Amino acid sequence: MSESYPVVEGEVIFEAPIAGKPCKTWYKVVGNLDSPPLIALHGGPGTGHQYLSPLIDLYTQYNIPIVFYDQIGCGNSTHLREKMGDDSFWTFELFYQQLDNLISHLKLSEYYLLGQSWGGMLASAYAARHPKGLRKVILASGPASVPTWQKEANRLVSELPPETRKTLEDCVRNRDFESPEYEKAYGVFLGRHVCRLNPWPDPVQASFENLNSDMTAYLTMQGPSEFVITGSFKDWEGWKFGHEIEVETLLLNGKYDEMTHACIEPWFRTIPKVKWVTLENSSHMGHFEDRQRYMKLCGSFLSSTRP
């Protein structure tokens, strides 16, 4: 079935610092850019844009154009597997520059940001730089503190069924992240705290396939799993610059989210113009798990004149 709304896909050259080769950013615009769009920052790092596809509802229901793009290192944008483990390459600054480059290419004078998971970390750090044209930001299941996230993830693992918990703990201790036993037990964690739908929607599966096909950014910046965080952002404390986020901000997380209340609360405490809503029927994928309420919250927030 053909889409009933305007869609434009494109690529823009991105001169990534110390990449050692030409790079490009792939993007897709839903709607017309005659009003401020919402730019979607996906998670991972490395999942790609597909799983955020429900955000198209914000165009069809609220007439807010949506800009999807694949961050460097994944999806339809340039991959750099040769940069595995290179902390000097995979930095927040790299992703700031990619986003700046895309905004400039699309000639956006005003825009909104929605960052989900890692994308929320990126969106918060970007917003704290006071970028010209940013009107509002949504931090969806984006942790304010990675050390807190690590502690909370370990707590969630401790609450899994005993056999599952033991398998995960044994595999982590033995650095075994590829065995069938680990994959099965890890799937239990993901099914409780990342996406509670069964089966997972096709776009969610597509994004995880993206991640599994090229884990360069994920392994370098995060680590081998959602609860073993050993990468370059393991000590990141975003809440410390929360007071620098001057635009109105909406915080979202789910009751069963791996990004627990403890992960979100520091944003609520430090961002000046902030609202926080927890989706009672969701984990980490509220845009699928409680889609109607999620879109109503986002659409109303982006369309309103006050937080």
Protein backbone atom coordinates (compact mmCIF):
# COMPACT_ATOMS: atom_id res chain seq x y z
CA MET A 1 0.00 0.00 0.00
CA SER A 2 1.40 3.39 -0.94
CA GLU A 3 2.00 6.00 1.75
CA SER A 4 -0.60 8.74 1.98
CA TYR A 5 1.80 11.43 3.12
CA PRO A 6 4.84 13.15 1.55
CA VAL A 7 8.12 11.27 2.03
CA VAL A 8 11.54 12.36 0.80
CA GLU A 9 14.69 10.30 1.31
CA GLY A 10 18.17 11.64 0.76
CA GLU A 11 21.82 11.59 1.67
CA VAL A 12 24.15 14.36 2.74
CA ILE A 13 27.93 14.29 2.78
CA PHE A 14 29.29 14.31 6.33
CA GLU A 15 32.96 15.09 6.84
CA ALA A 16 33.43 13.04 9.99
CA PRO A 17 36.60 14.00 11.87
CA ILE A 18 39.44 11.44 11.58
CA ALA A 19 37.15 9.02 9.72
CA GLY A 20 39.79 8.39 7.10
CA LYS A 21 37.20 8.07 4.32
CA PRO A 22 34.21 9.95 2.87
CA CYS A 23 31.06 9.61 4.97
CA LYS A 24 27.37 10.25 4.40
CA THR A 25 24.20 10.60 6.47
CA TRP A 26 21.02 8.98 5.21
CA TYR A 27 17.76 10.71 6.16
CA LYS A 28 14.03 10.59 5.52
CA VAL A 29 11.60 13.50 5.85
CA VAL A 30 7.91 12.76 6.42
CA GLY A 31 5.76 15.78 5.61
CA ASN A 32 6.80 19.16 4.27
CA LEU A 33 9.41 21.29 5.97
CA ASP A 34 7.26 24.42 5.90
CA SER A 35 6.83 24.18 9.68
CA PRO A 36 9.31 23.14 12.40
CA PRO A 37 9.93 19.37 12.22
CA LEU A 38 10.66 16.86 14.95
CA ILE A 39 14.11 15.32 14.46
CA ALA A 40 14.23 11.75 15.81
CA LEU A 41 17.46 10.61 17.48
CA HIS A 42 17.50 6.84 17.69
CA GLY A 43 19.08 4.69 20.34
CA GLY A 44 21.83 2.14 20.45
CA PRO A 45 24.26 3.55 19.60
CA GLY A 46 23.67 1.74 16.34
CA THR A 47 20.03 0.65 16.12
CA GLY A 48 19.07 2.88 13.22
CA HIS A 49 15.82 4.75 12.71
CA GLN A 50 13.30 1.99 11.92
CA TYR A 51 11.93 1.33 15.40
CA LEU A 52 10.94 5.00 15.77
CA SER A 53 8.57 4.76 12.79
CA PRO A 54 5.42 5.23 14.95
CA LEU A 55 6.44 8.87 15.28
CA ILE A 56 4.87 9.31 11.86
CA ASP A 57 1.62 9.49 13.86
CA LEU A 58 2.72 12.95 14.96
CA TYR A 59 2.58 14.04 11.35
CA THR A 60 -0.71 12.36 10.46
CA GLN A 61 -2.43 13.46 13.70
CA TYR A 62 -0.71 16.77 14.57
CA ASN A 63 0.82 17.86 11.26
CA ILE A 64 4.33 17.90 12.75
CA PRO A 65 6.88 16.94 10.06
CA ILE A 66 9.32 14.21 11.11
CA VAL A 67 12.99 13.89 10.19
CA PHE A 68 14.45 10.41 10.62
CA TYR A 69 18.12 9.70 10.07
CA ASP A 70 20.65 6.96 10.71
CA GLN A 71 23.52 8.00 12.92
CA ILE A 72 27.01 7.44 11.65
CA GLY A 73 28.04 3.80 11.90
CA CYS A 74 24.67 2.16 11.30
CA GLY A 75 21.75 1.61 8.97
CA ASN A 76 21.93 3.40 5.64
CA SER A 77 24.61 5.85 6.77
CA THR A 78 28.35 5.16 6.50
CA HIS A 79 29.69 2.25 8.55
CA LEU A 80 33.14 2.35 10.13
CA ARG A 81 33.85 -1.12 11.46
CA GLU A 82 37.55 -0.30 11.31
CA LYS A 83 36.98 2.14 14.20
CA MET A 84 36.08 -0.61 16.70
CA GLY A 85 37.34 0.39 20.14
CA ASP A 86 38.49 3.84 19.01
CA ASP A 87 37.34 6.13 21.83
CA SER A 88 38.88 9.12 20.09
CA PHE A 89 36.47 8.66 17.15
CA TRP A 90 33.20 7.58 18.78
CA THR A 91 32.51 10.71 20.81
CA PHE A 92 29.47 12.85 21.57
CA GLU A 93 31.13 15.55 19.47
CA LEU A 94 31.02 13.26 16.43
CA PHE A 95 27.25 12.92 16.75
CA TYR A 96 26.79 16.65 17.45
CA GLN A 97 28.58 17.42 14.22
CA GLN A 98 26.52 14.92 12.24
CA LEU A 99 23.30 16.45 13.57
CA ASP A 100 24.54 20.01 12.92
CA ASN A 101 25.42 18.98 9.38
CA LEU A 102 21.96 17.53 8.75
CA ILE A 103 20.17 20.58 10.19
CA SER A 104 22.27 22.84 7.98
CA HIS A 105 21.60 20.69 4.89
CA LEU A 106 17.84 20.80 5.47
CA LYS A 107 18.01 24.56 6.15
CA LEU A 108 16.06 24.25 9.39
CA SER A 109 15.71 27.54 11.25
CA GLU A 110 13.51 25.95 13.95
CA TYR A 111 13.02 22.34 15.01
CA TYR A 112 12.21 19.99 17.89
CA LEU A 113 14.24 17.00 19.10
CA LEU A 114 13.10 13.62 20.36
CA GLY A 115 15.86 11.38 21.64
CA GLN A 116 15.08 7.80 22.67
CA SER A 117 17.42 5.80 24.96
CA TRP A 118 20.98 6.62 23.83
CA GLY A 119 19.31 9.17 21.57
CA GLY A 120 17.99 10.82 24.75
CA MET A 121 21.53 11.12 26.08
CA LEU A 122 22.58 12.68 22.79
CA ALA A 123 19.56 15.01 22.65
CA SER A 124 20.13 16.22 26.21
CA ALA A 125 23.80 16.93 25.67
CA TYR A 126 23.03 18.66 22.38
CA ALA A 127 20.28 20.79 23.94
CA ALA A 128 22.62 21.86 26.73
CA ARG A 129 24.83 23.51 24.09
CA HIS A 130 22.00 26.02 23.39
CA PRO A 131 21.76 25.23 19.66
CA LYS A 132 20.16 27.90 17.54
CA GLY A 133 16.62 27.02 16.45
CA LEU A 134 15.84 24.32 19.02
CA ARG A 135 12.31 24.91 20.36
CA LYS A 136 11.56 21.91 22.59
CA VAL A 137 13.05 18.54 23.44
CA ILE A 138 11.60 15.14 24.39
CA LEU A 139 13.85 12.76 26.33
CA ALA A 140 12.23 9.35 25.97
CA SER A 141 13.75 6.69 28.22
CA GLY A 142 17.08 8.50 28.17
CA PRO A 143 19.13 8.06 31.36
CA ALA A 144 20.42 11.06 33.28
CA SER A 145 23.26 8.97 34.74
CA VAL A 146 24.90 5.92 33.21
CA PRO A 147 26.33 4.73 36.57
CA THR A 148 22.79 4.84 37.98
CA TRP A 149 21.52 2.97 34.94
CA GLN A 150 24.18 0.29 35.53
CA LYS A 151 23.08 -0.11 39.16
CA GLU A 152 19.41 -0.23 38.21
CA ALA A 153 20.02 -2.74 35.41
CA ASN A 154 21.82 -4.99 37.87
CA ARG A 155 18.85 -4.68 40.23
CA LEU A 156 16.45 -5.63 37.42
CA VAL A 157 18.60 -8.65 36.60
CA SER A 158 18.50 -9.68 40.28
CA GLU A 159 14.69 -9.70 40.08
CA LEU A 160 14.54 -12.10 37.12
CA PRO A 161 13.58 -15.77 37.66
CA PRO A 162 16.41 -17.54 39.55
CA GLU A 163 17.53 -19.76 36.67
CA THR A 164 17.59 -16.83 34.23
CA ARG A 165 19.44 -14.63 36.72
CA LYS A 166 22.05 -17.31 37.39
CA THR A 167 22.64 -17.86 33.66
CA LEU A 168 23.17 -14.14 33.07
CA GLU A 169 25.44 -13.76 36.09
CA ASP A 170 27.52 -16.79 35.06
CA CYS A 171 27.82 -15.57 31.48
CA VAL A 172 28.83 -12.06 32.55
CA ARG A 173 31.44 -13.47 34.92
CA ASN A 174 32.84 -15.65 32.10
CA ARG A 175 32.53 -12.86 29.48
CA ASP A 176 30.28 -15.18 27.47
CA PHE A 177 27.95 -12.96 25.46
CA GLU A 178 27.42 -15.20 22.44
CA SER A 179 26.28 -18.60 23.72
CA PRO A 180 22.70 -19.80 23.14
CA GLU A 181 22.22 -19.91 26.92
CA TYR A 182 23.13 -16.25 27.25
CA GLU A 183 20.98 -15.24 24.29
CA LYS A 184 17.95 -17.01 25.77
CA ALA A 185 18.40 -15.46 29.21
CA TYR A 186 19.14 -12.03 27.74
CA GLY A 187 15.93 -12.36 25.76
CA VAL A 188 14.00 -12.66 29.03
CA PHE A 189 15.49 -9.36 30.23
CA LEU A 190 14.69 -7.66 26.91
CA GLY A 191 11.16 -9.05 26.93
CA ARG A 192 10.50 -7.58 30.37
CA HIS A 193 12.30 -4.25 30.22
CA VAL A 194 12.89 -3.29 26.56
CA CYS A 195 9.80 -4.42 24.61
CA ARG A 196 6.96 -6.37 26.21
CA LEU A 197 5.10 -7.01 22.96
CA ASN A 198 5.15 -10.55 21.60
CA PRO A 199 6.12 -10.83 18.86
CA TRP A 200 8.21 -7.68 18.57
CA PRO A 201 6.98 -5.32 15.84
CA ASP A 202 8.86 -5.64 12.58
CA PRO A 203 10.52 -2.18 12.88
CA VAL A 204 11.88 -3.10 16.33
CA GLN A 205 13.27 -6.36 14.96
CA ALA A 206 14.78 -4.47 12.02
CA SER A 207 16.57 -2.06 14.34
CA PHE A 208 17.99 -4.87 16.46
CA GLU A 209 19.18 -6.55 13.26
CA ASN A 210 20.91 -3.28 12.41
CA LEU A 211 22.62 -3.30 15.77
CA ASN A 212 23.66 -6.95 15.59
CA SER A 213 25.06 -6.51 12.08
CA ASP A 214 27.44 -3.73 13.15
CA MET A 215 28.09 -3.31 16.86
CA THR A 216 31.11 -1.04 16.46
CA ALA A 217 29.63 2.06 18.08
CA TYR A 218 27.66 0.07 20.67
CA LEU A 219 30.60 -2.01 21.87
CA THR A 220 32.93 0.99 21.91
CA MET A 221 30.65 3.45 23.68
CA GLN A 222 28.41 1.19 25.78
CA GLY A 223 29.69 -2.38 26.09
CA PRO A 224 28.53 -5.93 25.46
CA SER A 225 24.94 -5.64 26.72
CA GLU A 226 22.25 -3.44 28.24
CA PHE A 227 23.44 -4.26 31.76
CA VAL A 228 27.20 -4.61 31.24
CA ILE A 229 28.29 -1.05 30.54
CA THR A 230 32.04 -0.90 30.04
CA GLY A 231 32.36 1.50 27.09
CA SER A 232 33.50 5.10 26.85
CA PHE A 233 30.28 6.63 28.22
CA LYS A 234 30.17 4.39 31.32
CA ASP A 235 30.84 7.34 33.66
CA TRP A 236 28.52 9.82 31.90
CA GLU A 237 26.49 12.00 34.28
CA GLY A 238 24.20 14.07 32.06
CA TRP A 239 22.18 15.53 34.93
CA LYS A 240 25.18 17.67 35.85
CA PHE A 241 24.42 19.89 32.83
CA GLY A 242 20.64 19.58 33.12
CA HIS A 243 20.40 23.19 34.26
CA GLU A 244 21.85 24.23 30.89
CA ILE A 245 18.84 22.84 28.99
CA GLU A 246 16.85 26.03 28.56
CA VAL A 247 14.03 24.80 26.30
CA GLU A 248 10.84 23.12 27.51
CA THR A 249 11.51 19.43 28.06
CA LEU A 250 9.23 16.39 28.28
CA LEU A 251 10.55 13.28 30.05
CA LEU A 252 9.00 9.91 29.25
CA ASN A 253 9.65 6.44 30.60
CA GLY A 254 7.69 3.26 31.21
CA LYS A 255 6.64 1.51 34.40
CA TYR A 256 8.65 -1.57 33.36
CA ASP A 257 11.40 0.37 31.58
CA GLU A 258 15.06 -0.54 31.93
CA MET A 259 15.33 3.23 32.38
CA THR A 260 13.77 3.18 35.81
CA HIS A 261 12.56 6.20 37.78
CA ALA A 262 16.00 6.44 39.39
CA CYS A 263 17.50 6.90 35.92
CA ILE A 264 15.08 9.70 35.00
CA GLU A 265 14.61 11.59 38.29
CA PRO A 266 17.87 13.61 38.08
CA TRP A 267 16.62 15.19 34.84
CA PHE A 268 13.41 16.22 36.58
CA ARG A 269 15.42 17.74 39.40
CA THR A 270 17.87 19.72 37.26
CA ILE A 271 16.13 20.79 34.02
CA PRO A 272 14.32 24.10 34.63
CA LYS A 273 11.28 23.76 32.32
CA VAL A 274 10.36 20.12 32.63
CA LYS A 275 7.41 17.73 32.71
CA TRP A 276 7.69 13.98 33.46
CA VAL A 277 5.17 11.28 32.52
CA THR A 278 5.50 7.55 33.15
CA LEU A 279 3.54 5.22 30.87
CA GLU A 280 1.91 2.57 33.04
CA ASN A 281 1.64 -0.05 30.28
CA SER A 282 5.13 0.28 28.82
CA SER A 283 8.75 -0.67 29.16
CA HIS A 284 11.40 0.89 26.90
CA MET A 285 9.29 1.04 23.73
CA GLY A 286 6.34 3.15 24.84
CA HIS A 287 5.88 4.47 21.30
CA PHE A 288 4.76 0.93 20.39
CA GLU A 289 3.52 -0.46 23.72
CA ASP A 290 1.23 2.48 24.55
CA ARG A 291 1.24 4.17 21.19
CA GLN A 292 -1.95 6.22 21.42
CA ARG A 293 -1.11 7.82 24.77
CA TYR A 294 2.53 8.32 23.81
CA MET A 295 1.59 10.24 20.68
CA LYS A 296 -1.02 12.29 22.51
CA LEU A 297 1.56 13.30 25.12
CA CYS A 298 4.19 14.19 22.51
CA GLY A 299 1.79 15.89 20.12
CA SER A 300 0.17 17.99 22.84
CA PHE A 301 3.56 18.96 24.27
CA LEU A 302 5.00 19.99 20.90
CA SER A 303 1.85 21.86 19.91
CA SER A 304 1.35 23.74 23.19
CA THR A 305 2.75 27.15 24.13
CA ARG A 306 3.74 26.20 27.70
CA PRO A 307 5.22 23.07 29.34
